[in-house]
Amino acid sequence: ATGDFIAFLDQDDWWLPSKIQRQLEVFKSNDNIGLVHTAVTHMDGETGKTLPPLNPNAKPAEMQGDCFKQLLLGNPLYNSSVVVRSSTIADIGRCDPNLAGNTVADYELWLRIATKYQFGFVETEETCYRMHPEQGIWDRRAMLQAELAVLLNIKNETAWKADPKLRLRLAQLYDELAVNLYDFDEFDQARHYFKKAFDVCSNTRTGFRWLASKLPPKLIGMLRN
């Protein structure tokens, strides 16, 4: 890529014809903006029907300006919606090749960009995210393991526990990873992360799930059903 801007587009997504122009207009408004993303529409890759968002609680429109702290709480940006300045990449570095598979290389890059640059946002839906069974997002176990590794590399567990919002975020990640490990019959690892969720955020829910994970798998299956 040799231009002044780099735009990301996954092979299964679409752009609207006006997308890049509208993003460049945002870049022109502020020299400290290093990344501009857009609102996204979701579409069934097979039927072409519009779908609700993957995460109805995500608020990508709030990712504007200085948003590193908020970005630590979750990644509402879609890779195909993002354009960055080439000078920003030259400054903070490219995607981390040590992040295996189709997991969170984009999220890790956005976090590094957010430490030094502001984000801009285009409110119109200029990106089409096509959903289908082969997407990497469905491998939640790999996604969560990579996400935890990235976040704990930025701040250690003690630092996450010191902030109420970060504490809850870390506990939720541990808990969700534990559930996914359990679904893959990795019972010892699941119990380990249920306990970590309880240690980070001790409440009735996390305590019950940790204790329940010690029951025989067949009994847990019956209770879940």
C-alpha atoms as a PDB file:
ATOM      1  CA  ALA A   1       0.000   0.000   0.000  1.00  0.00           C
ATOM      2  CA  THR A   2       1.612   3.237  -1.135  1.00  0.00           C
ATOM      3  CA  GLY A   3      -1.167   5.819  -0.789  1.00  0.00           C
ATOM      4  CA  ASP A   4      -1.752   8.350   1.979  1.00  0.00           C
ATOM      5  CA  PHE A   5      -4.568   6.223   3.402  1.00  0.00           C
ATOM      6  CA  ILE A   6      -5.133   2.503   3.957  1.00  0.00           C
ATOM      7  CA  ALA A   7      -8.671   1.127   3.833  1.00  0.00           C
ATOM      8  CA  PHE A   8      -9.524  -2.338   5.120  1.00  0.00           C
ATOM      9  CA  LEU A   9     -12.005  -4.589   3.332  1.00  0.00           C
ATOM     10  CA  ASP A  10     -12.560  -8.257   4.171  1.00  0.00           C
ATOM     11  CA  GLN A  11     -13.272 -10.466   1.185  1.00  0.00           C
ATOM     12  CA  ASP A  12     -16.873 -11.130   2.253  1.00  0.00           C
ATOM     13  CA  ASP A  13     -17.964  -7.541   2.959  1.00  0.00           C
ATOM     14  CA  TRP A  14     -19.062  -4.579   0.801  1.00  0.00           C
ATOM     15  CA  TRP A  15     -18.549  -0.839   0.705  1.00  0.00           C
ATOM     16  CA  LEU A  16     -21.086   1.692  -0.505  1.00  0.00           C
ATOM     17  CA  PRO A  17     -19.739   3.923  -3.313  1.00  0.00           C
ATOM     18  CA  SER A  18     -19.752   7.020  -1.066  1.00  0.00           C
ATOM     19  CA  LYS A  19     -17.826   5.423   1.823  1.00  0.00           C
ATOM     20  CA  ILE A  20     -14.239   6.513   1.178  1.00  0.00           C
ATOM     21  CA  GLN A  21     -15.159  10.058   0.162  1.00  0.00           C
ATOM     22  CA  ARG A  22     -17.129  10.615   3.371  1.00  0.00           C
ATOM     23  CA  GLN A  23     -14.289   9.236   5.476  1.00  0.00           C
ATOM     24  CA  LEU A  24     -11.703  11.462   3.787  1.00  0.00           C
ATOM     25  CA  GLU A  25     -13.869  14.470   4.596  1.00  0.00           C
ATOM     26  CA  VAL A  26     -13.623  13.549   8.295  1.00  0.00           C
ATOM     27  CA  PHE A  27      -9.834  13.202   8.056  1.00  0.00           C
ATOM     28  CA  LYS A  28      -9.630  16.702   6.565  1.00  0.00           C
ATOM     29  CA  SER A  29     -11.444  18.144   9.582  1.00  0.00           C
ATOM     30  CA  ASN A  30      -8.712  17.218  12.095  1.00  0.00           C
ATOM     31  CA  ASP A  31      -5.045  16.398  11.510  1.00  0.00           C
ATOM     32  CA  ASN A  32      -4.905  14.380  14.745  1.00  0.00           C
ATOM     33  CA  ILE A  33      -7.482  11.864  13.532  1.00  0.00           C
ATOM     34  CA  GLY A  34      -5.646   8.637  12.713  1.00  0.00           C
ATOM     35  CA  LEU A  35      -8.638   6.366  12.064  1.00  0.00           C
ATOM     36  CA  VAL A  36     -12.135   6.856  10.689  1.00  0.00           C
ATOM     37  CA  HIS A  37     -14.829   4.161  10.809  1.00  0.00           C
ATOM     38  CA  THR A  38     -18.435   4.078   9.659  1.00  0.00           C
ATOM     39  CA  ALA A  39     -21.810   2.792  10.743  1.00  0.00           C
ATOM     40  CA  VAL A  40     -22.464  -0.723   9.451  1.00  0.00           C
ATOM     41  CA  THR A  41     -25.432  -2.624   8.083  1.00  0.00           C
ATOM     42  CA  HIS A  42     -25.615  -6.415   8.585  1.00  0.00           C
ATOM     43  CA  MET A  43     -26.733  -8.745   5.835  1.00  0.00           C
ATOM     44  CA  ASP A  44     -27.325 -12.484   5.524  1.00  0.00           C
ATOM     45  CA  GLY A  45     -24.684 -13.641   3.034  1.00  0.00           C
ATOM     46  CA  GLU A  46     -27.016 -16.278   1.559  1.00  0.00           C
ATOM     47  CA  THR A  47     -30.438 -14.601   1.446  1.00  0.00           C
ATOM     48  CA  GLY A  48     -29.412 -10.941   1.188  1.00  0.00           C
ATOM     49  CA  LYS A  49     -31.804 -10.020   3.981  1.00  0.00           C
ATOM     50  CA  THR A  50     -30.917  -7.319   6.484  1.00  0.00           C
ATOM     51  CA  LEU A  51     -30.082  -8.684   9.927  1.00  0.00           C
ATOM     52  CA  PRO A  52     -29.874  -7.138  13.404  1.00  0.00           C
ATOM     53  CA  PRO A  53     -26.355  -6.288  14.633  1.00  0.00           C
ATOM     54  CA  LEU A  54     -24.189  -9.011  16.159  1.00  0.00           C
ATOM     55  CA  ASN A  55     -23.974  -7.085  19.407  1.00  0.00           C
ATOM     56  CA  PRO A  56     -27.054  -4.903  19.957  1.00  0.00           C
ATOM     57  CA  ASN A  57     -25.329  -3.267  22.940  1.00  0.00           C
ATOM     58  CA  ALA A  58     -22.329  -2.080  20.902  1.00  0.00           C
ATOM     59  CA  LYS A  59     -22.192   1.680  20.314  1.00  0.00           C
ATOM     60  CA  PRO A  60     -19.691   2.399  17.527  1.00  0.00           C
ATOM     61  CA  ALA A  61     -20.875   6.016  17.280  1.00  0.00           C
ATOM     62  CA  GLU A  62     -19.324   6.646  20.707  1.00  0.00           C
ATOM     63  CA  MET A  63     -15.867   5.766  19.368  1.00  0.00           C
ATOM     64  CA  GLN A  64     -14.900   9.299  18.407  1.00  0.00           C
ATOM     65  CA  GLY A  65     -12.106  11.531  19.626  1.00  0.00           C
ATOM     66  CA  ASP A  66      -9.867  10.180  22.390  1.00  0.00           C
ATOM     67  CA  CYS A  67     -11.318   6.739  23.047  1.00  0.00           C
ATOM     68  CA  PHE A  68      -8.533   4.421  24.258  1.00  0.00           C
ATOM     69  CA  LYS A  69     -10.105   3.862  27.697  1.00  0.00           C
ATOM     70  CA  GLN A  70     -13.495   3.179  26.179  1.00  0.00           C
ATOM     71  CA  LEU A  71     -11.989   0.854  23.573  1.00  0.00           C
ATOM     72  CA  LEU A  72     -10.545  -1.289  26.385  1.00  0.00           C
ATOM     73  CA  LEU A  73     -14.144  -2.098  27.348  1.00  0.00           C
ATOM     74  CA  GLY A  74     -14.900  -3.649  23.958  1.00  0.00           C
ATOM     75  CA  ASN A  75     -14.377  -3.371  20.221  1.00  0.00           C
ATOM     76  CA  PRO A  76     -17.450  -2.112  18.337  1.00  0.00           C
ATOM     77  CA  LEU A  77     -15.453  -1.324  15.156  1.00  0.00           C
ATOM     78  CA  TYR A  78     -15.839  -3.509  12.077  1.00  0.00           C
ATOM     79  CA  ASN A  79     -12.616  -4.122  10.196  1.00  0.00           C
ATOM     80  CA  SER A  80     -14.140  -3.363   6.796  1.00  0.00           C
ATOM     81  CA  SER A  81     -15.439   0.001   7.989  1.00  0.00           C
ATOM     82  CA  VAL A  82     -12.011   1.387   8.900  1.00  0.00           C
ATOM     83  CA  VAL A  83      -9.662   3.741   7.048  1.00  0.00           C
ATOM     84  CA  VAL A  84      -6.359   4.832   8.615  1.00  0.00           C
ATOM     85  CA  ARG A  85      -3.674   7.300   7.629  1.00  0.00           C
ATOM     86  CA  SER A  86      -0.563   5.592   6.252  1.00  0.00           C
ATOM     87  CA  SER A  87       1.494   7.932   8.440  1.00  0.00           C
ATOM     88  CA  THR A  88      -0.323   6.548  11.496  1.00  0.00           C
ATOM     89  CA  ILE A  89       0.651   2.981  10.587  1.00  0.00           C
ATOM     90  CA  ALA A  90       4.227   4.114   9.961  1.00  0.00           C
ATOM     91  CA  ASP A  91       4.213   5.616  13.444  1.00  0.00           C
ATOM     92  CA  ILE A  92       2.587   2.898  15.565  1.00  0.00           C
ATOM     93  CA  GLY A  93       3.392  -0.192  13.459  1.00  0.00           C
ATOM     94  CA  ARG A  94       1.453  -2.720  11.443  1.00  0.00           C
ATOM     95  CA  CYS A  95      -0.775  -5.576  12.591  1.00  0.00           C
ATOM     96  CA  ASP A  96       0.907  -7.951  15.029  1.00  0.00           C
ATOM     97  CA  PRO A  97       1.816 -11.157  13.110  1.00  0.00           C
ATOM     98  CA  ASN A  98       2.116 -13.063  16.392  1.00  0.00           C
ATOM     99  CA  LEU A  99      -1.665 -13.031  16.842  1.00  0.00           C
ATOM    100  CA  ALA A 100      -2.596 -16.378  15.370  1.00  0.00           C
ATOM    101  CA  GLY A 101      -5.547 -17.017  13.104  1.00  0.00           C
ATOM    102  CA  ASN A 102      -8.507 -14.823  12.282  1.00  0.00           C
ATOM    103  CA  THR A 103      -8.980 -13.409  15.766  1.00  0.00           C
ATOM    104  CA  VAL A 104      -8.268  -9.912  17.121  1.00  0.00           C
ATOM    105  CA  ALA A 105      -5.391  -8.487  15.071  1.00  0.00           C
ATOM    106  CA  ASP A 106      -7.644  -5.584  14.084  1.00  0.00           C
ATOM    107  CA  TYR A 107      -8.674  -4.841  17.690  1.00  0.00           C
ATOM    108  CA  GLU A 108      -5.049  -4.846  18.825  1.00  0.00           C
ATOM    109  CA  LEU A 109      -4.173  -2.403  16.039  1.00  0.00           C
ATOM    110  CA  TRP A 110      -7.074  -0.077  16.920  1.00  0.00           C
ATOM    111  CA  LEU A 111      -5.924  -0.031  20.549  1.00  0.00           C
ATOM    112  CA  ARG A 112      -2.394   0.990  19.583  1.00  0.00           C
ATOM    113  CA  ILE A 113      -3.727   3.698  17.283  1.00  0.00           C
ATOM    114  CA  ALA A 114      -6.014   4.982  20.073  1.00  0.00           C
ATOM    115  CA  THR A 115      -3.049   5.527  22.410  1.00  0.00           C
ATOM    116  CA  LYS A 116      -1.778   8.375  20.194  1.00  0.00           C
ATOM    117  CA  TYR A 117      -4.525   9.423  17.777  1.00  0.00           C
ATOM    118  CA  GLN A 118      -8.173  10.360  17.745  1.00  0.00           C
ATOM    119  CA  PHE A 119     -10.921   8.417  15.984  1.00  0.00           C
ATOM    120  CA  GLY A 120     -13.490   9.830  13.583  1.00  0.00           C
ATOM    121  CA  PHE A 121     -16.886   8.392  12.662  1.00  0.00           C
ATOM    122  CA  VAL A 122     -19.276   8.522   9.689  1.00  0.00           C
ATOM    123  CA  GLU A 123     -22.840   8.136  10.950  1.00  0.00           C
ATOM    124  CA  THR A 124     -24.336   6.782   7.722  1.00  0.00           C
ATOM    125  CA  GLU A 125     -24.162   3.035   7.027  1.00  0.00           C
ATOM    126  CA  GLU A 126     -21.379   2.969   4.454  1.00  0.00           C
ATOM    127  CA  THR A 127     -20.196  -0.608   5.123  1.00  0.00           C
ATOM    128  CA  CYS A 128     -22.103  -3.859   4.618  1.00  0.00           C
ATOM    129  CA  TYR A 129     -21.088  -6.716   6.904  1.00  0.00           C
ATOM    130  CA  ARG A 130     -22.123 -10.018   5.341  1.00  0.00           C
ATOM    131  CA  MET A 131     -22.749 -12.836   7.832  1.00  0.00           C
ATOM    132  CA  HIS A 132     -22.172 -16.507   6.982  1.00  0.00           C
ATOM    133  CA  PRO A 133     -21.175 -19.740   8.788  1.00  0.00           C
ATOM    134  CA  GLU A 134     -17.486 -19.658   7.774  1.00  0.00           C
ATOM    135  CA  GLN A 135     -16.583 -16.440   9.590  1.00  0.00           C
ATOM    136  CA  GLY A 136     -13.818 -16.539  12.196  1.00  0.00           C
ATOM    137  CA  ILE A 137     -16.034 -14.765  14.736  1.00  0.00           C
ATOM    138  CA  TRP A 138     -17.920 -18.006  15.380  1.00  0.00           C
ATOM    139  CA  ASP A 139     -14.792 -19.571  16.909  1.00  0.00           C
ATOM    140  CA  ARG A 140     -15.451 -17.802  20.188  1.00  0.00           C
ATOM    141  CA  ARG A 141     -12.889 -19.848  22.102  1.00  0.00           C
ATOM    142  CA  ALA A 142      -9.999 -18.669  19.897  1.00  0.00           C
ATOM    143  CA  MET A 143     -11.338 -15.112  19.770  1.00  0.00           C
ATOM    144  CA  LEU A 144     -11.631 -14.820  23.550  1.00  0.00           C
ATOM    145  CA  GLN A 145      -8.222 -16.360  24.235  1.00  0.00           C
ATOM    146  CA  ALA A 146      -6.576 -13.915  21.843  1.00  0.00           C
ATOM    147  CA  GLU A 147      -8.555 -10.967  23.205  1.00  0.00           C
ATOM    148  CA  LEU A 148      -7.532 -11.758  26.778  1.00  0.00           C
ATOM    149  CA  ALA A 149      -3.882 -12.070  25.763  1.00  0.00           C
ATOM    150  CA  VAL A 150      -3.980  -8.654  24.079  1.00  0.00           C
ATOM    151  CA  LEU A 151      -5.716  -6.893  26.968  1.00  0.00           C
ATOM    152  CA  LEU A 152      -3.530  -8.443  29.676  1.00  0.00           C
ATOM    153  CA  ASN A 153      -0.481  -7.391  27.700  1.00  0.00           C
ATOM    154  CA  ILE A 154      -1.672  -3.771  27.930  1.00  0.00           C
ATOM    155  CA  LYS A 155      -2.522  -3.917  31.652  1.00  0.00           C
ATOM    156  CA  ASN A 156      -1.833  -6.702  34.119  1.00  0.00           C
ATOM    157  CA  GLU A 157      -4.660  -8.288  36.068  1.00  0.00           C
ATOM    158  CA  THR A 158      -4.004  -6.135  39.140  1.00  0.00           C
ATOM    159  CA  ALA A 159      -4.488  -2.968  37.080  1.00  0.00           C
ATOM    160  CA  TRP A 160      -7.735  -4.314  35.617  1.00  0.00           C
ATOM    161  CA  LYS A 161      -9.062  -5.074  39.087  1.00  0.00           C
ATOM    162  CA  ALA A 162      -8.335  -1.532  40.265  1.00  0.00           C
ATOM    163  CA  ASP A 163     -10.995   0.016  38.002  1.00  0.00           C
ATOM    164  CA  PRO A 164     -14.669  -1.039  38.445  1.00  0.00           C
ATOM    165  CA  LYS A 165     -15.486  -1.000  34.732  1.00  0.00           C
ATOM    166  CA  LEU A 166     -12.305  -2.824  33.763  1.00  0.00           C
ATOM    167  CA  ARG A 167     -12.853  -5.338  36.556  1.00  0.00           C
ATOM    168  CA  LEU A 168     -16.303  -6.207  35.212  1.00  0.00           C
ATOM    169  CA  ARG A 169     -14.988  -6.403  31.653  1.00  0.00           C
ATOM    170  CA  LEU A 170     -12.229  -8.851  32.643  1.00  0.00           C
ATOM    171  CA  ALA A 171     -14.602 -11.009  34.693  1.00  0.00           C
ATOM    172  CA  GLN A 172     -17.030 -11.204  31.757  1.00  0.00           C
ATOM    173  CA  LEU A 173     -14.234 -12.290  29.408  1.00  0.00           C
ATOM    174  CA  TYR A 174     -13.073 -14.988  31.834  1.00  0.00           C
ATOM    175  CA  ASP A 175     -16.654 -16.177  32.293  1.00  0.00           C
ATOM    176  CA  GLU A 176     -17.448 -16.311  28.575  1.00  0.00           C
ATOM    177  CA  LEU A 177     -14.192 -18.120  27.819  1.00  0.00           C
ATOM    178  CA  ALA A 178     -14.971 -20.651  30.553  1.00  0.00           C
ATOM    179  CA  VAL A 179     -18.382 -21.394  29.011  1.00  0.00           C
ATOM    180  CA  ASN A 180     -16.846 -21.900  25.565  1.00  0.00           C
ATOM    181  CA  LEU A 181     -14.087 -24.140  26.936  1.00  0.00           C
ATOM    182  CA  TYR A 182     -16.716 -26.206  28.713  1.00  0.00           C
ATOM    183  CA  ASP A 183     -18.649 -26.616  25.468  1.00  0.00           C
ATOM    184  CA  PHE A 184     -15.479 -28.105  23.954  1.00  0.00           C
ATOM    185  CA  ASP A 185     -15.170 -30.561  26.891  1.00  0.00           C
ATOM    186  CA  GLU A 186     -12.097 -28.765  28.240  1.00  0.00           C
ATOM    187  CA  PHE A 187     -13.424 -29.065  31.771  1.00  0.00           C
ATOM    188  CA  ASP A 188     -10.256 -28.350  33.767  1.00  0.00           C
ATOM    189  CA  GLN A 189      -9.545 -25.180  31.797  1.00  0.00           C
ATOM    190  CA  ALA A 190     -13.180 -24.144  32.086  1.00  0.00           C
ATOM    191  CA  ARG A 191     -13.075 -24.489  35.887  1.00  0.00           C
ATOM    192  CA  HIS A 192      -9.835 -22.498  35.933  1.00  0.00           C
ATOM    193  CA  TYR A 193     -11.450 -19.546  34.150  1.00  0.00           C
ATOM    194  CA  PHE A 194     -14.703 -19.765  36.122  1.00  0.00           C
ATOM    195  CA  LYS A 195     -12.569 -19.395  39.258  1.00  0.00           C
ATOM    196  CA  LYS A 196     -10.671 -16.463  37.727  1.00  0.00           C
ATOM    197  CA  ALA A 197     -13.994 -14.775  36.948  1.00  0.00           C
ATOM    198  CA  PHE A 198     -15.013 -15.234  40.588  1.00  0.00           C
ATOM    199  CA  ASP A 199     -11.665 -13.974  41.879  1.00  0.00           C
ATOM    200  CA  VAL A 200     -11.922 -10.825  39.749  1.00  0.00           C
ATOM    201  CA  CYS A 201     -15.598 -10.111  40.432  1.00  0.00           C
ATOM    202  CA  SER A 202     -16.876 -12.039  43.446  1.00  0.00           C
ATOM    203  CA  ASN A 203     -20.654 -12.243  43.355  1.00  0.00           C
ATOM    204  CA  THR A 204     -23.374 -14.870  43.578  1.00  0.00           C
ATOM    205  CA  ARG A 205     -23.480 -15.489  39.838  1.00  0.00           C
ATOM    206  CA  THR A 206     -19.749 -16.045  39.288  1.00  0.00           C
ATOM    207  CA  GLY A 207     -19.506 -18.059  42.506  1.00  0.00           C
ATOM    208  CA  PHE A 208     -22.385 -20.330  41.517  1.00  0.00           C
ATOM    209  CA  ARG A 209     -20.975 -20.935  38.032  1.00  0.00           C
ATOM    210  CA  TRP A 210     -17.546 -21.783  39.460  1.00  0.00           C
ATOM    211  CA  LEU A 211     -19.031 -24.224  41.974  1.00  0.00           C
ATOM    212  CA  ALA A 212     -21.371 -25.715  39.366  1.00  0.00           C
ATOM    213  CA  SER A 213     -18.421 -26.375  37.050  1.00  0.00           C
ATOM    214  CA  LYS A 214     -17.094 -28.846  39.642  1.00  0.00           C
ATOM    215  CA  LEU A 215     -20.135 -31.104  39.137  1.00  0.00           C
ATOM    216  CA  PRO A 216     -19.936 -34.140  36.795  1.00  0.00           C
ATOM    217  CA  PRO A 217     -20.291 -33.068  33.133  1.00  0.00           C
ATOM    218  CA  LYS A 218     -23.411 -35.206  32.580  1.00  0.00           C
ATOM    219  CA  LEU A 219     -25.162 -33.560  35.518  1.00  0.00           C
ATOM    220  CA  ILE A 220     -24.188 -30.098  34.288  1.00  0.00           C
ATOM    221  CA  GLY A 221     -25.564 -30.979  30.844  1.00  0.00           C
ATOM    222  CA  MET A 222     -28.899 -31.959  32.418  1.00  0.00           C
ATOM    223  CA  LEU A 223     -29.007 -28.727  34.450  1.00  0.00           C
ATOM    224  CA  ARG A 224     -28.215 -26.598  31.405  1.00  0.00           C
ATOM    225  CA  ASN A 225     -30.914 -28.325  29.354  1.00  0.00           C
END
